Amino acid sequence: MVCIKKRYFNWNRLFLLPLGLWPDKETKFTRFQAKLLFSLLMSSAAFQLSRLFSVECHFDSAVTILSSSSFYIALTIIFMCFWINMKTMRYLFEQLQHIYDGLKDKAEIAIYDKYGYIGKCLTIRLMIPMVCGMFSNFIIVYSPYILDVVMPKNESYAIHVMEMVTKYFIVSEKYYFLVLVHLNVACTAGLIVTVGTGTMMLSYFKHACGMFEIASYRIEQAMAIELLHDLNTKNEIVIYKKIICAVDIHRKAMDFAKCFITNTEGTLFFLILTGVLCLSFNLFRIFQIKSLVDEVEEVLLHFFVVILVLVGSFLANYVGQEMMDYTNHVYETTYNVSWYLAPLDIQKMILFLLQRGSRTFTLNVGGLFTASFECFATLVSASVSYFTFMYSMQQ
C-alpha cells in the first residue's frame, strides 16, 4: 500500500518534526517542543511591543518597532493556526490516504499522483530559497563577530550591528547581543514553521484539485459516446454507478476543503489583518529611510519582509483561485458531455450536477475574504492605501 505521507510529505516532515509540529503522533516531548517554540515566538513579539512604552520611543521608532513586531506576530499566528489544529491536520492526512486507497482505476490513480507530485515540487521549490535565505542571514548577522575573532582590528566589525539594535529596539549596549540572538532564532524558527506548514497546506489543496479533476474524468467516462449509443440495462447501471462515484469524490473534495477552512478560519482572519498591517508598516519604513546606502542592512530587512508577505498572500489566494477554477471545470465538463443522448432519468441526474455546479465553490474566511486573485489585489491595495495615508500624515 502506498503511503501518502512518505511519498509526498517527507520534506514537510523533515522541517516540522524537530519542532514538534508533525501531525502524526503527539507525545509529551513533541508537546514540550511546540510549547517551547510558542514561548520563543510570543516572547520575541512581546519584547518588541514593550519597547513602544519606552520613554525614548518616538514616531520613527514606533514605526520601526511595529514593522518588525507585526512580522513576528504573523509568524506566531501561523504557528498557532497549525498547532491548535493538529487533530484536524491529522484527520486531513487520513482523508487523503483513504481517498487514495479507494481509487481503483489506473487513470484516476495517475491523476491523483500527478497533483501529489506537483505539491511536492512546490514544496521543494519554496524550501530551497528559504534554506538559502537562512544561510545568508546567518552570514550577515554573525560574520562581524567571527571576523572580530579571526581578523581583529581596532574598531569592532560588529559595531554597526550594535548601533542598529540599540537604536531601533531601545536597549542598552550591555544586552544588545542577547536581543539580537533571541530575535534571530525566533525569526529562523518562525520561517521554518511558515514554509513547512504553508507548503503542506499547498499540497493539501493540490490533492483537492486532483479530486475535482477525477470527478470531471468520471463524468466524462460515465457519458462516453460508446455507452450512450449502445443503451441497455447493463450500460445504464454502469452510467449510474460512474455518476454516483463522480458525485461522491466531488463531495469529498468540497468537504475536505471546508474542513480545513472551518477549523482555521479564526486564526486565518487575524493573519490576514496582521499581514496587511505588516506590509503597510514595512513599506512606510523603506520610504522613511533617508539614506539607502548608509542603512542598506535595514532596507534589505524590510524589503525581505515585504517580499515574504506578498509571496505568502499570493500563494494563499492562488490556492483559492485554483479551487474556484477546478469546480468550474467540473461544471463545464458536465455541461459539455453528450447528456442529450442519455435516458430521461440520467438527464435528471445531470441536471442536478449542473445546478450544483452553477454555484461556485470558494474558500471564504470570516465572511469577508474569498481567496482569489481579486482578493490578493484588494489586500495589496489596502496595504498601499494605509502606507499612503501614513506617509501623507508624516509630511
Protein backbone atom coordinates (compact mmCIF):
# COMPACT_ATOMS: atom_id res chain seq x y z
CA MET A 1 0.00 0.00 0.00
CA VAL A 2 1.29 3.46 -0.95
CA CYS A 3 1.75 5.83 2.00
CA ILE A 4 0.79 9.40 1.06
CA LYS A 5 2.86 10.92 3.87
CA LYS A 6 6.08 9.21 2.85
CA ARG A 7 5.61 9.79 -0.86
CA TYR A 8 4.52 13.44 -0.94
CA PHE A 9 5.09 14.97 2.51
CA ASN A 10 8.55 13.72 3.53
CA TRP A 11 10.09 17.21 3.12
CA ASN A 12 7.45 18.73 5.38
CA ARG A 13 8.15 16.02 7.94
CA LEU A 14 11.86 16.87 7.82
CA PHE A 15 11.13 20.51 8.71
CA LEU A 16 8.28 20.12 11.20
CA LEU A 17 9.26 17.01 13.18
CA PRO A 18 12.18 18.69 15.05
CA LEU A 19 9.78 21.48 16.10
CA GLY A 20 7.12 19.12 17.44
CA LEU A 21 4.60 20.07 14.75
CA TRP A 22 4.41 16.90 12.66
CA PRO A 23 0.75 15.76 12.91
CA ASP A 24 1.46 12.05 13.11
CA LYS A 25 1.85 11.14 16.75
CA GLU A 26 1.79 13.58 19.62
CA THR A 27 3.92 12.75 22.64
CA LYS A 28 4.88 14.63 25.78
CA PHE A 29 8.19 15.52 24.17
CA THR A 30 6.63 16.91 20.96
CA ARG A 31 4.17 18.93 23.05
CA PHE A 32 7.12 20.31 25.04
CA GLN A 33 8.92 21.23 21.79
CA ALA A 34 5.84 23.04 20.48
CA LYS A 35 5.31 24.93 23.76
CA LEU A 36 8.97 25.97 23.80
CA LEU A 37 8.69 27.30 20.24
CA PHE A 38 5.45 29.11 21.07
CA SER A 39 7.14 30.76 24.06
CA LEU A 40 10.06 31.83 21.86
CA LEU A 41 7.80 33.44 19.25
CA MET A 42 5.50 35.07 21.79
CA SER A 43 8.37 36.48 23.85
CA SER A 44 10.02 37.98 20.76
CA ALA A 45 6.80 39.74 19.71
CA ALA A 46 6.01 40.83 23.30
CA PHE A 47 9.53 42.22 23.81
CA GLN A 48 9.29 44.38 20.69
CA LEU A 49 5.82 45.69 21.57
CA SER A 50 7.04 46.54 25.08
CA ARG A 51 9.56 48.94 23.50
CA LEU A 52 6.62 51.12 22.41
CA PHE A 53 6.11 52.14 26.03
CA SER A 54 9.68 53.31 26.45
CA VAL A 55 10.24 56.97 27.31
CA GLU A 56 12.68 57.28 24.39
CA CYS A 57 10.19 55.95 21.83
CA HIS A 58 9.09 58.48 19.18
CA PHE A 59 7.18 58.18 15.89
CA ASP A 60 10.06 56.84 13.77
CA SER A 61 10.99 54.29 16.42
CA ALA A 62 7.34 53.26 16.81
CA VAL A 63 7.00 52.58 13.08
CA THR A 64 10.24 50.59 13.06
CA ILE A 65 9.11 48.51 16.05
CA LEU A 66 5.65 47.92 14.57
CA SER A 67 7.09 46.92 11.20
CA SER A 68 9.18 44.27 12.95
CA SER A 69 6.74 43.19 15.67
CA SER A 70 3.84 42.76 13.20
CA PHE A 71 6.03 40.32 11.26
CA TYR A 72 6.77 38.31 14.41
CA ILE A 73 3.08 38.37 15.36
CA ALA A 74 2.25 36.97 11.91
CA LEU A 75 4.79 34.15 12.44
CA THR A 76 3.20 33.41 15.83
CA ILE A 77 -0.31 33.29 14.34
CA ILE A 78 0.85 30.88 11.62
CA PHE A 79 2.33 28.64 14.29
CA MET A 80 -0.87 28.78 16.37
CA CYS A 81 -3.03 28.09 13.30
CA PHE A 82 -1.26 24.77 12.81
CA TRP A 83 -0.58 23.86 16.45
CA ILE A 84 -4.12 24.22 17.81
CA ASN A 85 -5.47 22.28 14.81
CA MET A 86 -3.14 19.29 14.94
CA LYS A 87 -6.09 16.88 15.14
CA THR A 88 -7.62 18.46 12.06
CA MET A 89 -4.33 18.15 10.15
CA ARG A 90 -4.08 14.50 11.16
CA TYR A 91 -7.67 13.91 10.04
CA LEU A 92 -6.96 15.54 6.67
CA PHE A 93 -3.97 13.23 6.21
CA GLU A 94 -6.22 10.25 6.94
CA GLN A 95 -8.77 11.50 4.41
CA LEU A 96 -6.12 11.85 1.69
CA GLN A 97 -4.91 8.32 2.39
CA HIS A 98 -8.47 6.92 2.50
CA ILE A 99 -9.36 8.51 -0.86
CA TYR A 100 -6.15 7.23 -2.45
CA ASP A 101 -6.78 3.71 -1.18
CA GLY A 102 -10.29 3.82 -2.67
CA LEU A 103 -9.06 4.54 -6.21
CA LYS A 104 -9.02 1.50 -8.49
CA ASP A 105 -8.85 3.00 -11.98
CA LYS A 106 -5.25 3.45 -13.17
CA ALA A 107 -6.09 6.76 -14.85
CA GLU A 108 -7.59 8.11 -11.61
CA ILE A 109 -4.54 6.99 -9.62
CA ALA A 110 -2.33 8.73 -12.21
CA ILE A 111 -4.33 11.98 -11.79
CA TYR A 112 -4.04 11.81 -8.00
CA ASP A 113 -0.31 11.07 -8.21
CA LYS A 114 0.19 13.96 -10.64
CA TYR A 115 -1.26 16.52 -8.23
CA GLY A 116 0.61 15.00 -5.29
CA TYR A 117 3.83 15.32 -7.28
CA ILE A 118 3.01 18.95 -8.17
CA GLY A 119 2.50 19.68 -4.45
CA LYS A 120 5.83 18.06 -3.61
CA CYS A 121 7.65 20.06 -6.33
CA LEU A 122 6.16 23.30 -5.00
CA THR A 123 7.32 22.33 -1.51
CA ILE A 124 10.91 21.78 -2.66
CA ARG A 125 10.95 24.99 -4.74
CA LEU A 126 9.83 27.06 -1.75
CA MET A 127 12.06 25.33 0.79
CA ILE A 128 15.30 25.78 -1.18
CA PRO A 129 15.13 29.63 -1.22
CA MET A 130 14.24 29.57 2.48
CA VAL A 131 17.31 27.48 3.35
CA CYS A 132 19.47 29.81 1.22
CA GLY A 133 17.93 32.81 2.99
CA MET A 134 18.60 31.31 6.41
CA PHE A 135 22.23 30.69 5.46
CA SER A 136 22.59 34.25 4.13
CA ASN A 137 21.01 35.62 7.29
CA PHE A 138 23.50 33.69 9.41
CA ILE A 139 26.39 35.12 7.38
CA ILE A 140 25.10 38.71 7.56
CA VAL A 141 24.29 38.64 11.30
CA TYR A 142 27.18 36.63 12.72
CA SER A 143 30.06 37.24 10.28
CA PRO A 144 31.12 40.50 12.06
CA TYR A 145 31.62 38.57 15.31
CA ILE A 146 33.54 35.82 13.55
CA LEU A 147 35.76 38.43 11.87
CA ASP A 148 36.42 40.06 15.26
CA VAL A 149 37.97 36.75 16.35
CA VAL A 150 39.69 35.73 13.11
CA MET A 151 40.83 39.18 11.88
CA PRO A 152 40.66 41.60 14.84
CA LYS A 153 41.15 45.33 14.31
CA ASN A 154 40.93 48.48 16.43
CA GLU A 155 37.24 49.05 15.68
CA SER A 156 34.92 46.06 16.01
CA TYR A 157 33.27 44.80 12.83
CA ALA A 158 30.04 44.38 14.80
CA ILE A 159 29.76 47.99 15.94
CA HIS A 160 27.28 48.83 13.17
CA VAL A 161 25.06 45.89 14.18
CA MET A 162 25.21 47.02 17.80
CA GLU A 163 24.23 50.59 16.89
CA MET A 164 21.30 49.38 14.80
CA VAL A 165 19.89 47.07 17.52
CA THR A 166 20.31 49.60 20.35
CA LYS A 167 18.82 52.38 18.24
CA TYR A 168 15.73 50.63 16.88
CA PHE A 169 14.86 48.41 19.86
CA ILE A 170 15.87 50.93 22.53
CA VAL A 171 18.08 48.60 24.59
CA SER A 172 21.40 49.16 26.29
CA GLU A 173 24.65 48.04 24.68
CA LYS A 174 25.07 45.53 27.51
CA TYR A 175 22.13 43.39 26.33
CA TYR A 176 22.05 44.03 22.60
CA PHE A 177 23.68 40.70 21.64
CA LEU A 178 21.13 38.70 23.67
CA VAL A 179 18.33 40.63 21.97
CA LEU A 180 19.89 40.01 18.55
CA VAL A 181 20.24 36.26 19.11
CA HIS A 182 16.73 36.00 20.59
CA LEU A 183 15.07 37.75 17.65
CA ASN A 184 17.19 35.94 15.07
CA VAL A 185 16.46 32.48 16.49
CA ALA A 186 12.74 33.29 16.76
CA CYS A 187 12.68 34.56 13.17
CA THR A 188 14.51 31.48 11.84
CA ALA A 189 12.22 29.07 13.72
CA GLY A 190 9.14 31.03 12.65
CA LEU A 191 10.16 30.94 8.98
CA ILE A 192 10.78 27.19 9.16
CA VAL A 193 7.26 26.75 10.58
CA THR A 194 5.78 29.11 7.98
CA VAL A 195 7.35 27.34 5.00
CA GLY A 196 6.85 23.84 6.45
CA THR A 197 3.16 24.34 7.26
CA GLY A 198 2.45 26.61 4.28
CA THR A 199 3.76 24.12 1.74
CA MET A 200 1.80 21.36 3.48
CA MET A 201 -1.39 23.40 3.03
CA LEU A 202 -0.50 23.91 -0.64
CA SER A 203 -0.08 20.15 -1.06
CA TYR A 204 -3.40 19.52 0.71
CA PHE A 205 -5.26 21.74 -1.72
CA LYS A 206 -3.36 20.36 -4.70
CA HIS A 207 -4.72 16.94 -3.73
CA ALA A 208 -8.21 18.50 -3.51
CA CYS A 209 -7.74 19.84 -7.05
CA GLY A 210 -6.83 16.29 -8.07
CA MET A 211 -10.14 15.09 -6.60
CA PHE A 212 -12.06 17.64 -8.69
CA GLU A 213 -10.11 16.50 -11.76
CA ILE A 214 -11.06 12.88 -11.02
CA ALA A 215 -14.71 13.97 -10.70
CA SER A 216 -14.51 15.52 -14.19
CA TYR A 217 -12.86 12.36 -15.53
CA ARG A 218 -15.59 10.15 -14.05
CA ILE A 219 -18.34 12.28 -15.58
CA GLU A 220 -16.66 12.04 -18.99
CA GLN A 221 -16.35 8.26 -18.63
CA ALA A 222 -19.95 7.92 -17.46
CA MET A 223 -21.27 9.79 -20.52
CA ALA A 224 -18.93 8.16 -23.02
CA ILE A 225 -20.39 8.02 -26.54
CA GLU A 226 -19.97 4.22 -26.83
CA LEU A 227 -22.14 3.69 -23.74
CA LEU A 228 -24.83 6.15 -24.87
CA HIS A 229 -25.06 4.62 -28.38
CA ASP A 230 -25.46 1.12 -27.00
CA LEU A 231 -28.02 1.69 -24.27
CA ASN A 232 -29.26 -1.34 -22.39
CA THR A 233 -29.95 -2.16 -18.76
CA LYS A 234 -26.32 -3.15 -18.10
CA ASN A 235 -24.90 0.06 -19.60
CA GLU A 236 -27.44 2.20 -17.78
CA ILE A 237 -26.33 0.67 -14.47
CA VAL A 238 -22.70 1.41 -15.42
CA ILE A 239 -23.59 5.05 -16.16
CA TYR A 240 -25.49 5.39 -12.87
CA LYS A 241 -22.57 3.97 -10.88
CA LYS A 242 -20.00 6.22 -12.56
CA ILE A 243 -22.11 9.34 -11.99
CA ILE A 244 -22.57 8.36 -8.33
CA CYS A 245 -18.79 7.90 -7.99
CA ALA A 246 -18.20 11.30 -9.60
CA VAL A 247 -20.63 12.99 -7.22
CA ASP A 248 -19.05 11.17 -4.27
CA ILE A 249 -15.47 12.33 -4.91
CA HIS A 250 -16.71 15.84 -5.78
CA ARG A 251 -18.44 15.98 -2.39
CA LYS A 252 -15.33 14.62 -0.64
CA ALA A 253 -13.17 17.31 -2.24
CA MET A 254 -15.50 20.08 -1.05
CA ASP A 255 -15.81 18.55 2.44
CA PHE A 256 -12.01 18.29 2.61
CA ALA A 257 -11.55 22.00 1.81
CA LYS A 258 -14.43 23.04 4.10
CA CYS A 259 -12.96 21.05 6.99
CA PHE A 260 -9.68 22.95 6.73
CA ILE A 261 -11.27 26.40 6.37
CA THR A 262 -13.83 25.85 9.14
CA ASN A 263 -11.20 24.86 11.71
CA THR A 264 -8.62 27.51 10.80
CA GLU A 265 -10.95 30.40 9.94
CA GLY A 266 -10.38 32.40 13.14
CA THR A 267 -6.59 32.38 13.04
CA LEU A 268 -6.53 32.96 9.26
CA PHE A 269 -8.74 36.04 9.70
CA PHE A 270 -6.28 37.60 12.17
CA LEU A 271 -3.35 36.53 9.98
CA ILE A 272 -4.83 38.43 7.01
CA LEU A 273 -5.30 41.60 9.08
CA THR A 274 -1.77 41.33 10.52
CA GLY A 275 -0.32 40.73 7.05
CA VAL A 276 -1.96 43.88 5.66
CA LEU A 277 -0.63 46.00 8.54
CA CYS A 278 2.83 44.38 8.33
CA LEU A 279 3.07 45.19 4.63
CA SER A 280 1.98 48.80 5.24
CA PHE A 281 4.46 49.41 8.07
CA ASN A 282 7.40 47.92 6.18
CA LEU A 283 6.64 49.84 3.00
CA PHE A 284 6.40 53.02 5.06
CA ARG A 285 9.69 52.28 6.81
CA ILE A 286 11.51 51.73 3.49
CA PHE A 287 10.40 55.14 2.21
CA GLN A 288 11.13 56.71 5.60
CA ILE A 289 14.84 55.86 5.44
CA LYS A 290 16.76 58.90 4.21
CA SER A 291 19.98 57.28 3.04
CA LEU A 292 19.52 53.87 1.40
CA VAL A 293 23.28 53.40 1.06
CA ASP A 294 24.15 54.12 4.71
CA GLU A 295 21.33 51.92 6.04
CA VAL A 296 21.36 49.19 3.42
CA GLU A 297 21.01 46.39 6.02
CA GLU A 298 17.73 47.79 7.35
CA VAL A 299 16.41 48.40 3.82
CA LEU A 300 17.15 44.79 2.90
CA LEU A 301 15.40 43.51 6.04
CA HIS A 302 12.22 45.48 5.34
CA PHE A 303 12.36 44.57 1.65
CA PHE A 304 12.67 40.89 2.61
CA VAL A 305 9.56 41.15 4.82
CA VAL A 306 7.60 42.88 2.03
CA ILE A 307 8.53 40.15 -0.46
CA LEU A 308 7.68 37.40 2.04
CA VAL A 309 4.25 38.88 2.83
CA LEU A 310 3.45 39.38 -0.87
CA VAL A 311 4.54 35.85 -1.83
CA GLY A 312 2.63 34.28 1.08
CA SER A 313 -0.51 36.26 0.32
CA PHE A 314 -0.30 35.48 -3.39
CA LEU A 315 0.12 31.72 -2.84
CA ALA A 316 -2.81 31.60 -0.40
CA ASN A 317 -5.07 33.40 -2.86
CA TYR A 318 -3.70 31.34 -5.74
CA VAL A 319 -4.94 28.22 -3.95
CA GLY A 320 -8.41 29.75 -3.59
CA GLN A 321 -8.46 30.76 -7.26
CA GLU A 322 -7.45 27.24 -8.29
CA MET A 323 -10.26 25.71 -6.24
CA MET A 324 -12.74 28.01 -8.00
CA ASP A 325 -11.30 27.15 -11.42
CA TYR A 326 -11.43 23.40 -10.83
CA THR A 327 -15.01 23.44 -9.55
CA ASN A 328 -15.94 25.48 -12.64
CA HIS A 329 -14.14 22.89 -14.77
CA VAL A 330 -16.35 20.15 -13.31
CA TYR A 331 -19.40 22.23 -14.26
CA GLU A 332 -18.09 22.82 -17.80
CA THR A 333 -17.31 19.11 -18.23
CA THR A 334 -20.83 18.18 -17.12
CA TYR A 335 -22.32 20.74 -19.50
CA ASN A 336 -20.24 19.62 -22.50
CA VAL A 337 -20.86 15.85 -22.32
CA SER A 338 -23.48 14.28 -24.59
CA TRP A 339 -26.18 14.30 -21.91
CA TYR A 340 -28.92 14.76 -24.51
CA LEU A 341 -28.32 11.18 -25.73
CA ALA A 342 -28.93 9.72 -22.27
CA PRO A 343 -32.28 8.43 -20.97
CA LEU A 344 -34.54 10.91 -19.13
CA ASP A 345 -33.65 9.60 -15.64
CA ILE A 346 -29.93 10.10 -16.31
CA GLN A 347 -30.61 13.56 -17.75
CA LYS A 348 -32.30 14.47 -14.45
CA MET A 349 -29.13 13.40 -12.60
CA ILE A 350 -27.03 15.54 -14.95
CA LEU A 351 -29.38 18.47 -14.31
CA PHE A 352 -28.76 18.03 -10.58
CA LEU A 353 -24.99 18.20 -11.18
CA LEU A 354 -25.40 21.33 -13.31
CA GLN A 355 -27.50 23.03 -10.61
CA ARG A 356 -24.82 22.30 -8.01
CA GLY A 357 -22.01 23.33 -10.32
CA SER A 358 -23.63 26.66 -11.12
CA ARG A 359 -22.80 27.76 -7.54
CA THR A 360 -19.05 28.44 -7.48
CA PHE A 361 -17.25 26.78 -4.58
CA THR A 362 -14.99 29.25 -2.76
CA LEU A 363 -12.67 29.38 0.24
CA ASN A 364 -14.16 32.11 2.41
CA VAL A 365 -12.56 33.44 5.60
CA GLY A 366 -14.69 35.33 8.11
CA GLY A 367 -17.34 36.13 5.54
CA LEU A 368 -15.11 38.98 4.28
CA PHE A 369 -12.23 37.42 2.38
CA THR A 370 -12.77 34.99 -0.51
CA ALA A 371 -9.42 33.58 -1.61
CA SER A 372 -8.83 34.61 -5.23
CA PHE A 373 -6.60 36.83 -7.35
CA GLU A 374 -9.14 39.61 -6.86
CA CYS A 375 -8.80 39.27 -3.08
CA PHE A 376 -4.99 39.42 -3.39
CA ALA A 377 -5.25 42.65 -5.37
CA THR A 378 -7.68 44.07 -2.79
CA LEU A 379 -5.37 43.26 0.14
CA VAL A 380 -2.32 44.78 -1.59
CA SER A 381 -4.37 47.84 -2.48
CA ALA A 382 -5.47 48.20 1.16
CA SER A 383 -1.86 47.96 2.37
CA VAL A 384 -0.72 50.60 -0.13
CA SER A 385 -3.61 52.85 0.94
CA TYR A 386 -2.63 52.62 4.61
CA PHE A 387 1.00 53.26 3.66
CA THR A 388 -0.01 56.32 1.60
CA PHE A 389 -2.10 57.64 4.49
CA MET A 390 0.79 57.31 6.99
CA TYR A 391 3.25 58.86 4.54
CA SER A 392 0.97 61.85 3.88
CA MET A 393 0.38 62.33 7.63
CA GLN A 394 4.12 62.44 8.24
CA GLN A 395 4.59 65.06 5.54
